[in-house]
Amino acid sequence: MRIRARQPHGVSRTGLIGTLGLLGVMAFVVAQSLVAGATTCEVCIEYRGRTQCRKVSAASEEEAITAAMVNACAFVSGGVTDSMACQRTTPTSTICE
């Protein structure tokens, strides 16, 4: 019968690897959030008599416009089918910086 020696109180190898992995993921998320703000667009949508404007930042102008349209349509439409129809409408205004 073999007796295992107790490890001293401290950080285990698994804990250290987990901590380093978590720090790596956090660094990646922060780096991506800094890059994501490259373009900011404000899009206004008029759908079924309701108007909504939303401003979104994204890595590209196309992504920012699409995200702003989806966001604005969420406020002026009701349900998935209505939201999809709203997203196919032409925005009343689009301003990108």
N, C-alpha and C. Protein backbone atom coordinates (compact mmCIF):
# COMPACT_ATOMS: atom_id res chain seq x y z
N MET A 1 0.85 -1.17 0.00
CA MET A 1 0.00 0.00 0.00
C MET A 1 0.89 1.23 0.00
N ARG A 2 0.62 2.09 -0.92
CA ARG A 2 1.42 3.29 -1.05
C ARG A 2 0.68 4.48 -0.47
N ILE A 3 1.35 5.27 0.30
CA ILE A 3 0.75 6.44 0.92
C ILE A 3 1.19 7.67 0.13
N ARG A 4 0.22 8.45 -0.29
CA ARG A 4 0.52 9.67 -1.04
C ARG A 4 0.81 10.80 -0.07
N ALA A 5 1.81 11.53 -0.40
CA ALA A 5 2.15 12.68 0.43
C ALA A 5 1.16 13.80 0.14
N ARG A 6 0.77 14.49 1.16
CA ARG A 6 -0.14 15.62 0.98
C ARG A 6 0.60 16.77 0.33
N GLN A 7 -0.06 17.35 -0.64
CA GLN A 7 0.55 18.51 -1.28
C GLN A 7 0.37 19.71 -0.36
N PRO A 8 1.37 20.56 -0.35
CA PRO A 8 1.25 21.75 0.50
C PRO A 8 0.14 22.65 -0.02
N HIS A 9 -0.42 23.45 0.88
CA HIS A 9 -1.47 24.38 0.48
C HIS A 9 -0.87 25.40 -0.48
N GLY A 10 -1.49 25.56 -1.59
CA GLY A 10 -1.01 26.47 -2.62
C GLY A 10 -1.75 26.20 -3.91
N VAL A 11 -1.22 26.65 -4.98
CA VAL A 11 -1.86 26.50 -6.27
C VAL A 11 -1.41 25.20 -6.92
N SER A 12 -2.38 24.38 -7.31
CA SER A 12 -2.05 23.14 -7.99
C SER A 12 -1.74 23.42 -9.46
N ARG A 13 -1.18 22.46 -10.11
CA ARG A 13 -0.85 22.61 -11.53
C ARG A 13 -2.12 22.84 -12.35
N THR A 14 -3.17 22.11 -12.04
CA THR A 14 -4.44 22.26 -12.76
C THR A 14 -5.01 23.66 -12.54
N GLY A 15 -4.93 24.14 -11.32
CA GLY A 15 -5.43 25.49 -11.01
C GLY A 15 -4.65 26.55 -11.76
N LEU A 16 -3.34 26.37 -11.85
CA LEU A 16 -2.49 27.33 -12.56
C LEU A 16 -2.82 27.33 -14.05
N ILE A 17 -2.98 26.16 -14.64
CA ILE A 17 -3.33 26.05 -16.05
C ILE A 17 -4.70 26.68 -16.31
N GLY A 18 -5.65 26.41 -15.43
CA GLY A 18 -6.99 26.99 -15.58
C GLY A 18 -6.96 28.51 -15.48
N THR A 19 -6.19 29.02 -14.55
CA THR A 19 -6.07 30.48 -14.39
C THR A 19 -5.43 31.12 -15.61
N LEU A 20 -4.37 30.51 -16.12
CA LEU A 20 -3.72 31.04 -17.32
C LEU A 20 -4.65 30.99 -18.53
N GLY A 21 -5.42 29.92 -18.65
CA GLY A 21 -6.39 29.81 -19.74
C GLY A 21 -7.46 30.88 -19.65
N LEU A 22 -7.96 31.11 -18.44
CA LEU A 22 -8.97 32.14 -18.23
C LEU A 22 -8.43 33.52 -18.56
N LEU A 23 -7.20 33.81 -18.15
CA LEU A 23 -6.58 35.09 -18.47
C LEU A 23 -6.39 35.25 -19.98
N GLY A 24 -6.07 34.17 -20.66
CA GLY A 24 -5.93 34.22 -22.12
C GLY A 24 -7.25 34.54 -22.80
N VAL A 25 -8.33 33.92 -22.35
CA VAL A 25 -9.65 34.18 -22.92
C VAL A 25 -10.05 35.63 -22.65
N MET A 26 -9.80 36.11 -21.45
CA MET A 26 -10.14 37.49 -21.11
C MET A 26 -9.35 38.48 -21.98
N ALA A 27 -8.09 38.21 -22.22
CA ALA A 27 -7.26 39.08 -23.06
C ALA A 27 -7.79 39.09 -24.49
N PHE A 28 -8.21 37.95 -24.99
CA PHE A 28 -8.77 37.86 -26.34
C PHE A 28 -10.06 38.68 -26.45
N VAL A 29 -10.95 38.56 -25.47
CA VAL A 29 -12.21 39.30 -25.49
C VAL A 29 -11.96 40.81 -25.45
N VAL A 30 -11.04 41.25 -24.62
CA VAL A 30 -10.72 42.67 -24.53
C VAL A 30 -10.14 43.17 -25.85
N ALA A 31 -9.23 42.40 -26.43
CA ALA A 31 -8.62 42.79 -27.70
C ALA A 31 -9.67 42.89 -28.80
N GLN A 32 -10.59 41.94 -28.87
CA GLN A 32 -11.63 41.97 -29.89
C GLN A 32 -12.60 43.12 -29.68
N SER A 33 -12.88 43.47 -28.45
CA SER A 33 -13.81 44.58 -28.20
C SER A 33 -13.17 45.91 -28.60
N LEU A 34 -11.86 46.02 -28.50
CA LEU A 34 -11.19 47.25 -28.92
C LEU A 34 -11.17 47.37 -30.44
N VAL A 35 -11.03 46.25 -31.13
CA VAL A 35 -11.02 46.24 -32.60
C VAL A 35 -12.42 46.45 -33.14
N ALA A 36 -13.43 45.94 -32.45
CA ALA A 36 -14.81 45.96 -32.94
C ALA A 36 -15.36 47.36 -33.11
N GLY A 37 -14.81 48.35 -32.45
CA GLY A 37 -15.33 49.69 -32.54
C GLY A 37 -14.77 50.50 -33.69
N ALA A 38 -14.32 49.85 -34.75
CA ALA A 38 -13.68 50.55 -35.85
C ALA A 38 -14.65 51.44 -36.62
N THR A 39 -15.90 51.01 -36.81
CA THR A 39 -16.89 51.78 -37.55
C THR A 39 -18.17 51.88 -36.74
N THR A 40 -18.75 53.08 -36.69
CA THR A 40 -20.02 53.29 -36.00
C THR A 40 -21.03 53.81 -37.00
N CYS A 41 -22.20 53.17 -37.05
CA CYS A 41 -23.26 53.59 -37.96
C CYS A 41 -24.56 53.77 -37.19
N GLU A 42 -25.29 54.81 -37.57
CA GLU A 42 -26.64 55.01 -37.04
C GLU A 42 -27.61 54.80 -38.19
N VAL A 43 -28.57 53.91 -37.97
CA VAL A 43 -29.56 53.56 -39.00
C VAL A 43 -30.94 53.85 -38.44
N CYS A 44 -31.77 54.51 -39.25
CA CYS A 44 -33.16 54.77 -38.88
C CYS A 44 -34.06 53.95 -39.80
N ILE A 45 -35.03 53.27 -39.20
CA ILE A 45 -35.96 52.41 -39.93
C ILE A 45 -37.38 52.92 -39.68
N GLU A 46 -38.18 52.99 -40.73
CA GLU A 46 -39.61 53.25 -40.58
C GLU A 46 -40.34 52.00 -41.06
N TYR A 47 -41.14 51.43 -40.18
CA TYR A 47 -41.84 50.19 -40.50
C TYR A 47 -43.23 50.25 -39.88
N ARG A 48 -44.23 50.12 -40.72
CA ARG A 48 -45.63 50.14 -40.29
C ARG A 48 -45.96 51.36 -39.44
N GLY A 49 -45.47 52.51 -39.87
CA GLY A 49 -45.80 53.76 -39.20
C GLY A 49 -44.98 54.07 -37.96
N ARG A 50 -44.08 53.19 -37.60
CA ARG A 50 -43.22 53.42 -36.43
C ARG A 50 -41.79 53.64 -36.89
N THR A 51 -41.10 54.57 -36.25
CA THR A 51 -39.71 54.88 -36.61
C THR A 51 -38.81 54.63 -35.41
N GLN A 52 -37.63 54.07 -35.68
CA GLN A 52 -36.64 53.81 -34.64
C GLN A 52 -35.25 53.98 -35.22
N CYS A 53 -34.37 54.63 -34.48
CA CYS A 53 -32.98 54.79 -34.89
C CYS A 53 -32.09 54.10 -33.87
N ARG A 54 -31.05 53.43 -34.36
CA ARG A 54 -30.09 52.75 -33.49
C ARG A 54 -28.69 52.96 -34.00
N LYS A 55 -27.75 53.13 -33.07
CA LYS A 55 -26.33 53.33 -33.40
C LYS A 55 -25.56 52.11 -32.91
N VAL A 56 -24.72 51.54 -33.79
CA VAL A 56 -23.96 50.32 -33.48
C VAL A 56 -22.52 50.48 -33.97
N SER A 57 -21.57 49.96 -33.21
CA SER A 57 -20.16 49.90 -33.62
C SER A 57 -19.82 48.47 -34.00
N ALA A 58 -19.05 48.33 -35.08
CA ALA A 58 -18.64 46.99 -35.53
C ALA A 58 -17.32 47.11 -36.28
N ALA A 59 -16.77 45.97 -36.65
CA ALA A 59 -15.47 45.93 -37.33
C ALA A 59 -15.55 46.52 -38.74
N SER A 60 -16.69 46.37 -39.40
CA SER A 60 -16.83 46.92 -40.76
C SER A 60 -18.13 47.71 -40.86
N GLU A 61 -18.21 48.54 -41.88
CA GLU A 61 -19.42 49.34 -42.09
C GLU A 61 -20.63 48.45 -42.36
N GLU A 62 -20.44 47.43 -43.17
CA GLU A 62 -21.54 46.52 -43.49
C GLU A 62 -22.09 45.83 -42.25
N GLU A 63 -21.19 45.36 -41.38
CA GLU A 63 -21.63 44.72 -40.14
C GLU A 63 -22.36 45.69 -39.23
N ALA A 64 -21.88 46.93 -39.15
CA ALA A 64 -22.51 47.93 -38.30
C ALA A 64 -23.91 48.27 -38.80
N ILE A 65 -24.07 48.42 -40.12
CA ILE A 65 -25.38 48.72 -40.70
C ILE A 65 -26.35 47.58 -40.44
N THR A 66 -25.91 46.36 -40.69
CA THR A 66 -26.77 45.19 -40.48
C THR A 66 -27.20 45.08 -39.02
N ALA A 67 -26.26 45.23 -38.11
CA ALA A 67 -26.58 45.12 -36.68
C ALA A 67 -27.52 46.23 -36.24
N ALA A 68 -27.32 47.44 -36.74
CA ALA A 68 -28.20 48.56 -36.38
C ALA A 68 -29.61 48.33 -36.92
N MET A 69 -29.71 47.77 -38.13
CA MET A 69 -31.04 47.48 -38.69
C MET A 69 -31.76 46.42 -37.86
N VAL A 70 -31.05 45.36 -37.49
CA VAL A 70 -31.65 44.30 -36.69
C VAL A 70 -32.11 44.88 -35.35
N ASN A 71 -31.28 45.71 -34.74
CA ASN A 71 -31.59 46.31 -33.45
C ASN A 71 -32.81 47.22 -33.56
N ALA A 72 -32.85 48.08 -34.59
CA ALA A 72 -33.99 48.99 -34.76
C ALA A 72 -35.27 48.22 -35.04
N CYS A 73 -35.19 47.19 -35.87
CA CYS A 73 -36.37 46.39 -36.20
C CYS A 73 -36.93 45.66 -34.99
N ALA A 74 -36.09 45.33 -34.04
CA ALA A 74 -36.57 44.67 -32.83
C ALA A 74 -37.53 45.56 -32.06
N PHE A 75 -37.39 46.88 -32.20
CA PHE A 75 -38.25 47.81 -31.49
C PHE A 75 -39.55 48.12 -32.23
N VAL A 76 -39.55 48.06 -33.56
CA VAL A 76 -40.73 48.47 -34.32
C VAL A 76 -41.54 47.31 -34.88
N SER A 77 -41.06 46.10 -34.71
CA SER A 77 -41.78 44.94 -35.25
C SER A 77 -42.23 44.05 -34.10
N GLY A 78 -43.12 43.12 -34.44
CA GLY A 78 -43.61 42.19 -33.43
C GLY A 78 -43.51 40.76 -33.95
N GLY A 79 -42.63 39.97 -33.40
CA GLY A 79 -42.49 38.59 -33.82
C GLY A 79 -41.39 38.39 -34.84
N VAL A 80 -41.04 37.16 -35.07
CA VAL A 80 -39.92 36.81 -35.94
C VAL A 80 -40.22 37.15 -37.40
N THR A 81 -41.39 36.78 -37.90
CA THR A 81 -41.73 37.03 -39.29
C THR A 81 -41.78 38.53 -39.57
N ASP A 82 -42.39 39.28 -38.67
CA ASP A 82 -42.48 40.73 -38.82
C ASP A 82 -41.09 41.37 -38.76
N SER A 83 -40.24 40.86 -37.89
CA SER A 83 -38.88 41.39 -37.76
C SER A 83 -38.09 41.15 -39.04
N MET A 84 -38.25 39.97 -39.63
CA MET A 84 -37.53 39.65 -40.88
C MET A 84 -38.02 40.55 -42.01
N ALA A 85 -39.31 40.83 -42.06
CA ALA A 85 -39.85 41.72 -43.09
C ALA A 85 -39.32 43.14 -42.88
N CYS A 86 -39.22 43.58 -41.64
CA CYS A 86 -38.68 44.90 -41.33
C CYS A 86 -37.24 45.01 -41.79
N GLN A 87 -36.45 43.98 -41.57
CA GLN A 87 -35.03 44.01 -41.94
C GLN A 87 -34.82 44.07 -43.45
N ARG A 88 -35.85 43.72 -44.22
CA ARG A 88 -35.74 43.80 -45.68
C ARG A 88 -36.13 45.18 -46.21
N THR A 89 -36.63 46.07 -45.34
CA THR A 89 -36.99 47.41 -45.79
C THR A 89 -35.73 48.27 -45.92
N THR A 90 -35.83 49.30 -46.73
CA THR A 90 -34.73 50.23 -46.92
C THR A 90 -34.71 51.22 -45.75
N PRO A 91 -33.57 51.44 -45.13
CA PRO A 91 -33.53 52.41 -44.02
C PRO A 91 -33.86 53.81 -44.51
N THR A 92 -34.51 54.60 -43.63
CA THR A 92 -34.82 55.98 -44.00
C THR A 92 -33.55 56.83 -43.96
N SER A 93 -32.60 56.46 -43.10
CA SER A 93 -31.31 57.16 -43.10
C SER A 93 -30.22 56.25 -42.55
N THR A 94 -29.01 56.44 -43.04
CA THR A 94 -27.85 55.69 -42.59
C THR A 94 -26.67 56.65 -42.54
N ILE A 95 -26.09 56.79 -41.34
CA ILE A 95 -24.94 57.67 -41.15
C ILE A 95 -23.82 56.86 -40.50
N CYS A 96 -22.68 56.77 -41.18
CA CYS A 96 -21.54 56.01 -40.65
C CYS A 96 -20.36 56.95 -40.41
N GLU A 97 -19.64 56.68 -39.34
CA GLU A 97 -18.46 57.47 -38.98
C GLU A 97 -17.23 56.62 -39.06
